N, C-alpha and C. Protein backbone atom coordinates (compact mmCIF):
# COMPACT_ATOMS: atom_id res chain seq x y z
N MET A 1 -14.01 -24.65 -37.52
CA MET A 1 -12.93 -25.14 -37.98
C MET A 1 -12.74 -26.34 -37.11
N THR A 2 -12.31 -27.38 -38.10
CA THR A 2 -11.88 -28.93 -37.40
C THR A 2 -10.70 -29.56 -37.20
N HIS A 3 -9.72 -28.63 -37.58
CA HIS A 3 -8.27 -28.91 -37.42
C HIS A 3 -7.74 -27.97 -36.95
N MET A 4 -6.21 -28.39 -36.34
CA MET A 4 -5.40 -27.21 -35.64
C MET A 4 -4.84 -26.44 -36.73
N ASP A 5 -4.93 -25.32 -36.96
CA ASP A 5 -4.06 -24.57 -37.92
C ASP A 5 -2.50 -24.05 -37.28
N PHE A 6 -1.71 -25.27 -37.33
CA PHE A 6 -0.27 -24.93 -37.06
C PHE A 6 0.48 -24.04 -37.58
N ALA A 7 0.15 -23.52 -38.78
CA ALA A 7 0.80 -22.63 -39.84
C ALA A 7 0.39 -21.08 -39.34
N HIS A 8 -0.53 -21.18 -38.39
CA HIS A 8 -1.14 -19.57 -38.05
C HIS A 8 0.17 -19.07 -37.25
N PRO A 9 0.53 -17.54 -37.62
CA PRO A 9 2.00 -16.78 -37.47
C PRO A 9 1.78 -16.49 -35.91
N TYR A 10 0.79 -16.64 -35.41
CA TYR A 10 0.91 -16.29 -33.32
C TYR A 10 1.11 -17.95 -32.78
N PHE A 11 0.56 -18.78 -33.96
CA PHE A 11 0.80 -20.49 -32.76
C PHE A 11 1.96 -20.51 -31.97
N GLY A 12 3.16 -20.27 -32.91
CA GLY A 12 4.52 -20.08 -31.80
C GLY A 12 4.27 -19.42 -30.35
N ALA A 13 3.57 -17.91 -30.47
CA ALA A 13 3.70 -17.48 -29.36
C ALA A 13 3.10 -17.75 -28.63
N PHE A 14 1.57 -18.13 -28.63
CA PHE A 14 0.56 -18.97 -27.75
C PHE A 14 0.98 -20.29 -27.41
N PHE A 15 1.89 -20.76 -27.90
CA PHE A 15 2.32 -22.00 -27.72
C PHE A 15 3.35 -22.09 -26.10
N LEU A 16 4.17 -21.42 -26.48
CA LEU A 16 5.02 -20.90 -25.82
C LEU A 16 4.92 -19.87 -24.46
N LEU A 17 3.52 -19.31 -24.54
CA LEU A 17 3.01 -18.76 -23.59
C LEU A 17 2.27 -19.78 -22.78
N PHE A 18 2.00 -20.41 -22.87
CA PHE A 18 0.98 -21.65 -22.46
C PHE A 18 1.83 -22.75 -22.19
N PHE A 19 3.09 -22.80 -22.75
CA PHE A 19 4.07 -23.80 -21.97
C PHE A 19 4.83 -23.07 -21.18
N GLY A 20 5.01 -22.10 -21.21
CA GLY A 20 5.82 -21.54 -20.28
C GLY A 20 5.33 -21.18 -18.67
N ALA A 21 3.88 -20.90 -19.17
CA ALA A 21 3.09 -20.83 -17.43
C ALA A 21 3.24 -21.84 -17.08
N GLY A 22 2.94 -23.09 -17.76
CA GLY A 22 2.95 -24.44 -17.36
C GLY A 22 4.21 -24.96 -16.67
N VAL A 23 5.03 -24.62 -17.24
CA VAL A 23 6.69 -24.92 -16.59
C VAL A 23 6.77 -24.26 -15.51
N PHE A 24 6.21 -23.01 -15.29
CA PHE A 24 6.25 -22.12 -13.87
C PHE A 24 5.29 -22.53 -12.95
N TYR A 25 4.28 -23.10 -13.09
CA TYR A 25 3.43 -23.44 -12.51
C TYR A 25 3.99 -24.91 -11.79
N GLY A 26 4.52 -25.29 -12.57
CA GLY A 26 5.11 -26.81 -12.40
C GLY A 26 6.26 -26.95 -11.51
N ILE A 27 6.87 -25.93 -11.85
CA ILE A 27 8.22 -26.10 -11.12
C ILE A 27 8.09 -25.31 -9.64
N ALA A 28 6.67 -24.29 -9.79
CA ALA A 28 6.59 -23.78 -8.19
C ALA A 28 6.37 -24.80 -7.49
N ALA A 29 5.18 -25.67 -7.79
CA ALA A 29 4.44 -26.62 -7.23
C ALA A 29 5.74 -27.66 -6.58
N LEU A 30 6.59 -28.23 -7.49
CA LEU A 30 7.54 -28.77 -7.08
C LEU A 30 8.62 -28.27 -6.02
N ALA A 31 8.96 -26.82 -5.89
CA ALA A 31 9.60 -26.59 -5.01
C ALA A 31 9.04 -26.41 -3.73
N ARG A 32 7.74 -26.34 -3.98
CA ARG A 32 6.93 -26.13 -2.56
C ARG A 32 6.64 -27.40 -1.82
N ILE A 33 6.76 -28.55 -2.50
CA ILE A 33 6.54 -30.22 -2.20
C ILE A 33 7.81 -30.39 -1.53
N VAL A 34 8.99 -30.07 -2.52
CA VAL A 34 10.58 -30.29 -2.01
C VAL A 34 10.85 -29.39 -0.75
N SER A 35 10.59 -28.12 -0.80
CA SER A 35 10.75 -27.89 0.60
C SER A 35 9.79 -27.99 1.60
N ARG A 36 9.08 -28.72 1.75
CA ARG A 36 7.95 -29.29 2.71
C ARG A 36 8.67 -30.15 3.19
N ARG A 37 9.02 -31.11 2.27
CA ARG A 37 9.40 -32.46 2.84
C ARG A 37 10.97 -32.42 3.47
N MET A 38 11.70 -31.31 2.70
CA MET A 38 13.45 -30.88 3.59
C MET A 38 13.50 -29.94 4.75
N ALA A 39 12.05 -29.43 4.89
CA ALA A 39 11.92 -28.62 6.29
C ALA A 39 12.14 -29.35 7.52
N ARG A 40 12.66 -28.82 8.62
CA ARG A 40 12.83 -29.24 9.58
C ARG A 40 11.44 -28.85 10.25
N LEU A 41 11.01 -29.95 11.01
CA LEU A 41 9.72 -29.38 11.54
C LEU A 41 9.93 -29.12 13.41
N ASP A 42 11.01 -29.39 13.57
CA ASP A 42 10.98 -29.39 15.23
C ASP A 42 11.20 -27.72 15.73
N THR A 43 10.63 -27.64 16.22
CA THR A 43 10.51 -25.95 16.84
C THR A 43 11.50 -25.99 18.18
N GLU A 44 12.23 -25.21 18.64
CA GLU A 44 12.78 -24.86 19.84
C GLU A 44 12.73 -23.38 20.18
N LYS A 45 12.69 -23.48 21.52
CA LYS A 45 12.46 -21.78 22.04
C LYS A 45 13.42 -20.75 21.39
N LEU A 46 14.77 -21.18 21.30
CA LEU A 46 15.49 -20.17 20.90
C LEU A 46 15.32 -20.02 19.19
N LYS A 47 14.86 -20.75 18.79
CA LYS A 47 14.34 -20.64 17.33
C LYS A 47 13.31 -19.68 16.95
N LEU A 48 12.46 -19.90 17.94
CA LEU A 48 11.03 -19.16 17.93
C LEU A 48 11.45 -17.28 18.75
N THR A 49 12.15 -17.24 19.36
CA THR A 49 12.69 -16.10 19.92
C THR A 49 12.90 -15.04 18.90
N ILE A 50 12.57 -13.68 19.26
CA ILE A 50 13.17 -12.63 18.26
C ILE A 50 14.20 -12.09 18.58
N TYR A 51 15.00 -12.02 17.37
CA TYR A 51 16.02 -11.95 17.63
C TYR A 51 16.49 -10.24 16.53
N GLU A 52 16.97 -9.43 17.28
CA GLU A 52 17.22 -7.94 16.81
C GLU A 52 18.64 -7.95 17.62
N CYS A 53 19.51 -7.24 16.44
CA CYS A 53 20.87 -6.54 17.10
C CYS A 53 20.83 -5.11 16.84
N GLY A 54 21.45 -4.50 17.96
CA GLY A 54 21.69 -3.11 17.95
C GLY A 54 21.15 -2.57 19.08
N PRO A 55 20.65 -1.32 18.88
CA PRO A 55 19.72 -0.74 19.98
C PRO A 55 18.16 -0.92 20.31
N GLU A 56 17.77 -0.81 21.37
CA GLU A 56 16.21 -1.08 21.46
C GLU A 56 15.55 -0.20 20.63
N VAL A 57 14.64 -0.47 20.10
CA VAL A 57 13.98 -0.21 18.65
C VAL A 57 13.01 0.67 19.53
N THR A 58 12.57 1.73 19.57
CA THR A 58 11.49 2.87 20.11
C THR A 58 10.33 3.03 18.98
N LYS A 59 9.39 3.15 19.02
CA LYS A 59 8.22 3.34 18.29
C LYS A 59 8.45 4.97 18.09
N GLN A 60 8.43 5.12 16.71
CA GLN A 60 8.50 6.86 16.41
C GLN A 60 7.20 7.34 15.90
N PRO A 61 6.54 8.27 15.86
CA PRO A 61 5.05 8.26 14.97
C PRO A 61 5.95 8.88 13.65
N ASN A 62 5.04 8.74 12.66
CA ASN A 62 5.37 8.59 11.02
C ASN A 62 5.09 10.03 10.79
N LYS A 63 6.38 10.76 10.36
CA LYS A 63 6.64 12.05 10.06
C LYS A 63 6.50 12.42 8.65
N ILE A 64 5.96 11.35 7.66
CA ILE A 64 6.13 11.64 6.20
C ILE A 64 4.43 12.11 6.13
N SER A 65 4.41 12.97 5.30
CA SER A 65 2.86 13.92 4.93
C SER A 65 2.66 12.90 3.76
N ALA A 66 0.99 12.73 4.07
CA ALA A 66 0.72 12.29 2.93
C ALA A 66 0.51 12.79 1.60
N HIS A 67 0.75 14.39 1.56
CA HIS A 67 1.09 14.95 0.41
C HIS A 67 1.90 14.81 -0.43
N PHE A 68 3.06 14.09 0.03
CA PHE A 68 4.29 13.28 -1.04
C PHE A 68 3.59 12.96 -2.03
N TYR A 69 2.72 11.82 -1.55
CA TYR A 69 2.20 10.89 -2.28
C TYR A 69 1.13 11.68 -3.35
N LEU A 70 0.12 12.43 -2.86
CA LEU A 70 -0.43 13.41 -3.68
C LEU A 70 0.33 13.90 -4.70
N PHE A 71 1.41 14.62 -4.38
CA PHE A 71 2.17 15.58 -5.28
C PHE A 71 2.97 14.44 -6.12
N ALA A 72 3.00 12.96 -5.73
CA ALA A 72 3.70 12.38 -6.80
C ALA A 72 3.03 11.60 -7.61
N LEU A 73 1.59 11.73 -7.34
CA LEU A 73 0.41 11.38 -8.22
C LEU A 73 0.47 12.50 -9.51
N LEU A 74 0.01 13.84 -8.58
CA LEU A 74 0.09 15.03 -9.99
C LEU A 74 1.11 14.63 -10.95
N PHE A 75 2.36 14.83 -10.32
CA PHE A 75 3.62 14.69 -10.98
C PHE A 75 3.90 13.55 -12.28
N ILE A 76 3.23 12.66 -11.76
CA ILE A 76 2.98 11.76 -12.73
C ILE A 76 2.03 11.76 -14.02
N LEU A 77 1.03 12.24 -13.67
CA LEU A 77 -0.35 12.70 -14.38
C LEU A 77 0.22 13.82 -15.42
N PHE A 78 0.97 14.64 -15.14
CA PHE A 78 1.43 15.66 -16.01
C PHE A 78 2.58 15.54 -16.58
N ASP A 79 3.73 14.45 -15.94
CA ASP A 79 4.64 13.84 -16.76
C ASP A 79 4.21 13.34 -17.91
N VAL A 80 3.42 12.13 -17.94
CA VAL A 80 2.63 11.39 -19.28
C VAL A 80 2.19 12.12 -20.03
N GLU A 81 1.34 13.36 -19.50
CA GLU A 81 1.01 14.38 -20.42
C GLU A 81 1.93 14.37 -21.59
N ILE A 82 3.39 15.08 -21.13
CA ILE A 82 4.10 15.67 -21.97
C ILE A 82 4.74 14.34 -23.00
N ILE A 83 4.57 13.21 -22.07
CA ILE A 83 5.27 12.17 -22.76
C ILE A 83 4.21 11.84 -23.86
N PHE A 84 3.13 12.15 -24.11
CA PHE A 84 2.18 11.90 -24.80
C PHE A 84 2.19 13.14 -26.12
N MET A 85 2.64 13.93 -25.50
CA MET A 85 3.13 15.14 -26.73
C MET A 85 3.94 14.95 -27.60
N PHE A 86 5.00 14.44 -27.33
CA PHE A 86 6.10 14.22 -28.12
C PHE A 86 5.92 13.31 -29.40
N PRO A 87 5.20 12.30 -29.19
CA PRO A 87 4.71 11.91 -30.83
C PRO A 87 3.89 12.82 -31.72
N TRP A 88 2.80 13.57 -31.23
CA TRP A 88 2.07 14.19 -31.62
C TRP A 88 2.53 15.34 -32.13
N ALA A 89 3.36 15.75 -31.61
CA ALA A 89 4.59 17.00 -32.16
C ALA A 89 5.59 16.30 -33.22
N VAL A 90 5.44 15.29 -33.56
CA VAL A 90 6.57 14.97 -34.58
C VAL A 90 5.80 14.85 -35.72
N ASP A 91 4.66 13.95 -35.46
CA ASP A 91 3.87 13.64 -36.41
C ASP A 91 2.45 14.49 -36.95
N PHE A 92 3.14 16.00 -36.57
CA PHE A 92 2.00 17.19 -36.42
C PHE A 92 1.12 17.38 -37.63
N LYS A 93 2.21 17.42 -38.88
CA LYS A 93 1.95 17.85 -39.91
C LYS A 93 1.12 16.16 -40.60
N VAL A 94 1.51 15.48 -40.58
CA VAL A 94 0.69 14.02 -41.10
C VAL A 94 -0.66 14.20 -40.43
N LEU A 95 -0.68 14.19 -39.38
CA LEU A 95 -2.14 13.94 -38.33
C LEU A 95 -3.19 15.34 -38.66
N GLY A 96 -2.71 16.29 -39.14
CA GLY A 96 -3.11 17.46 -39.78
C GLY A 96 -4.80 17.84 -38.82
N MET A 97 -5.49 18.37 -39.04
CA MET A 97 -6.54 19.03 -38.13
C MET A 97 -7.23 17.99 -37.26
N PHE A 98 -7.56 16.58 -37.67
CA PHE A 98 -7.85 15.85 -36.28
C PHE A 98 -6.87 15.53 -35.26
N GLY A 99 -5.89 15.32 -35.48
CA GLY A 99 -4.43 15.29 -34.98
C GLY A 99 -4.45 16.59 -33.38
N LEU A 100 -4.90 17.92 -34.27
CA LEU A 100 -4.91 19.01 -33.63
C LEU A 100 -6.03 19.09 -32.75
N VAL A 101 -7.40 18.59 -32.90
CA VAL A 101 -8.27 18.56 -32.28
C VAL A 101 -8.23 17.74 -30.86
N GLU A 102 -7.79 16.35 -31.70
CA GLU A 102 -7.72 15.48 -30.49
C GLU A 102 -6.80 15.57 -29.25
N MET A 103 -5.33 16.71 -29.64
CA MET A 103 -4.41 16.97 -28.54
C MET A 103 -5.20 17.91 -27.71
N ILE A 104 -6.09 18.75 -28.57
CA ILE A 104 -7.03 20.11 -27.44
C ILE A 104 -7.69 19.14 -26.81
N LEU A 105 -8.25 18.22 -27.34
CA LEU A 105 -9.61 17.63 -26.17
C LEU A 105 -8.18 16.64 -25.08
N PHE A 106 -7.30 15.99 -25.36
CA PHE A 106 -6.38 15.44 -24.27
C PHE A 106 -5.94 16.60 -23.26
N VAL A 107 -5.63 17.55 -24.17
CA VAL A 107 -5.05 18.91 -22.97
C VAL A 107 -6.11 19.37 -21.75
N LEU A 108 -7.43 19.52 -22.66
CA LEU A 108 -8.59 19.84 -21.82
C LEU A 108 -8.94 18.84 -21.18
N VAL A 109 -9.06 17.77 -21.21
CA VAL A 109 -9.39 16.57 -20.17
C VAL A 109 -8.39 16.90 -18.80
N LEU A 110 -6.73 16.84 -19.13
CA LEU A 110 -5.95 16.72 -18.32
C LEU A 110 -6.28 18.33 -17.43
N ALA A 111 -6.27 19.20 -18.21
CA ALA A 111 -6.47 20.74 -17.62
C ALA A 111 -7.57 20.71 -16.56
N ILE A 112 -8.75 20.07 -16.67
CA ILE A 112 -9.71 19.52 -15.97
C ILE A 112 -9.43 19.19 -14.80
N GLY A 113 -8.84 18.34 -15.01
CA GLY A 113 -8.28 17.62 -13.80
C GLY A 113 -7.51 18.31 -13.00
N PHE A 114 -6.65 19.15 -13.63
CA PHE A 114 -5.62 20.01 -12.44
C PHE A 114 -6.30 20.97 -12.19
N VAL A 115 -7.34 21.63 -12.32
CA VAL A 115 -8.36 22.64 -11.86
C VAL A 115 -9.09 21.94 -10.78
N TYR A 116 -9.82 20.76 -10.99
CA TYR A 116 -10.31 19.90 -10.05
C TYR A 116 -9.23 19.52 -8.43
N ALA A 117 -8.25 19.33 -8.84
CA ALA A 117 -6.98 19.08 -7.93
C ALA A 117 -6.77 20.49 -7.49
N TRP A 118 -6.93 21.55 -7.77
CA TRP A 118 -6.26 22.94 -7.35
C TRP A 118 -7.44 23.07 -6.52
N LYS A 119 -8.78 23.06 -7.00
CA LYS A 119 -9.87 23.56 -6.09
C LYS A 119 -10.05 22.82 -4.67
N LYS A 120 -9.33 21.30 -4.91
CA LYS A 120 -9.81 20.75 -3.88
C LYS A 120 -8.50 20.86 -2.76
N GLY A 121 -7.60 21.97 -2.91
CA GLY A 121 -6.52 22.16 -2.30
C GLY A 121 -4.98 20.70 -2.11
N ALA A 122 -5.07 20.38 -3.26
CA ALA A 122 -4.36 19.20 -3.32
C ALA A 122 -2.92 19.82 -3.52
N LEU A 123 -2.94 21.08 -4.26
CA LEU A 123 -1.34 21.47 -4.44
C LEU A 123 -0.90 22.77 -3.37
N GLU A 124 -1.82 22.76 -2.14
CA GLU A 124 -1.31 23.49 -1.08
C GLU A 124 -0.31 22.83 -0.18
N TRP A 125 0.57 23.24 -0.06
CA TRP A 125 1.64 22.31 1.01
C TRP A 125 1.31 22.61 2.70
N HIS A 126 1.08 21.38 3.44
CA HIS A 126 0.25 21.57 4.59
C HIS A 126 1.49 21.02 5.48
N SER A 127 1.72 22.19 6.70
CA SER A 127 3.08 21.64 7.54
C SER A 127 2.82 20.58 8.59
N ILE A 128 3.82 19.96 8.41
CA ILE A 128 3.77 18.49 9.40
C ILE A 128 3.51 18.71 10.59
N ARG A 129 4.09 19.77 11.18
CA ARG A 129 4.14 20.22 13.01
C ARG A 129 2.97 21.09 12.93
């Protein structure tokens, strides 16, 4: 290919992608330069001191269990499974036997993940205290 094909259907999309990225980086660089020139560089003791409003902050131990995170991941896993089942259920007759086998394999892989999480004790709730 020795010439540019401006009539290609995706030329405009690629042009906007590269042009937008160039404008973004140009504006970011310009903002960095302008902010460094306009920033006051003098440091005062009052400016560098810690400012807090309200009562004295006390350090408290983290009371949130990591099981919340694990439960959230498992919820998302099985929620996504249901989301992928809706289009399959709508086009079940069109997909035929191939669609049925693919969905059985999909559910089987997720069931293996569920059994693994169950055996590892991820679904058992442990007390915080």
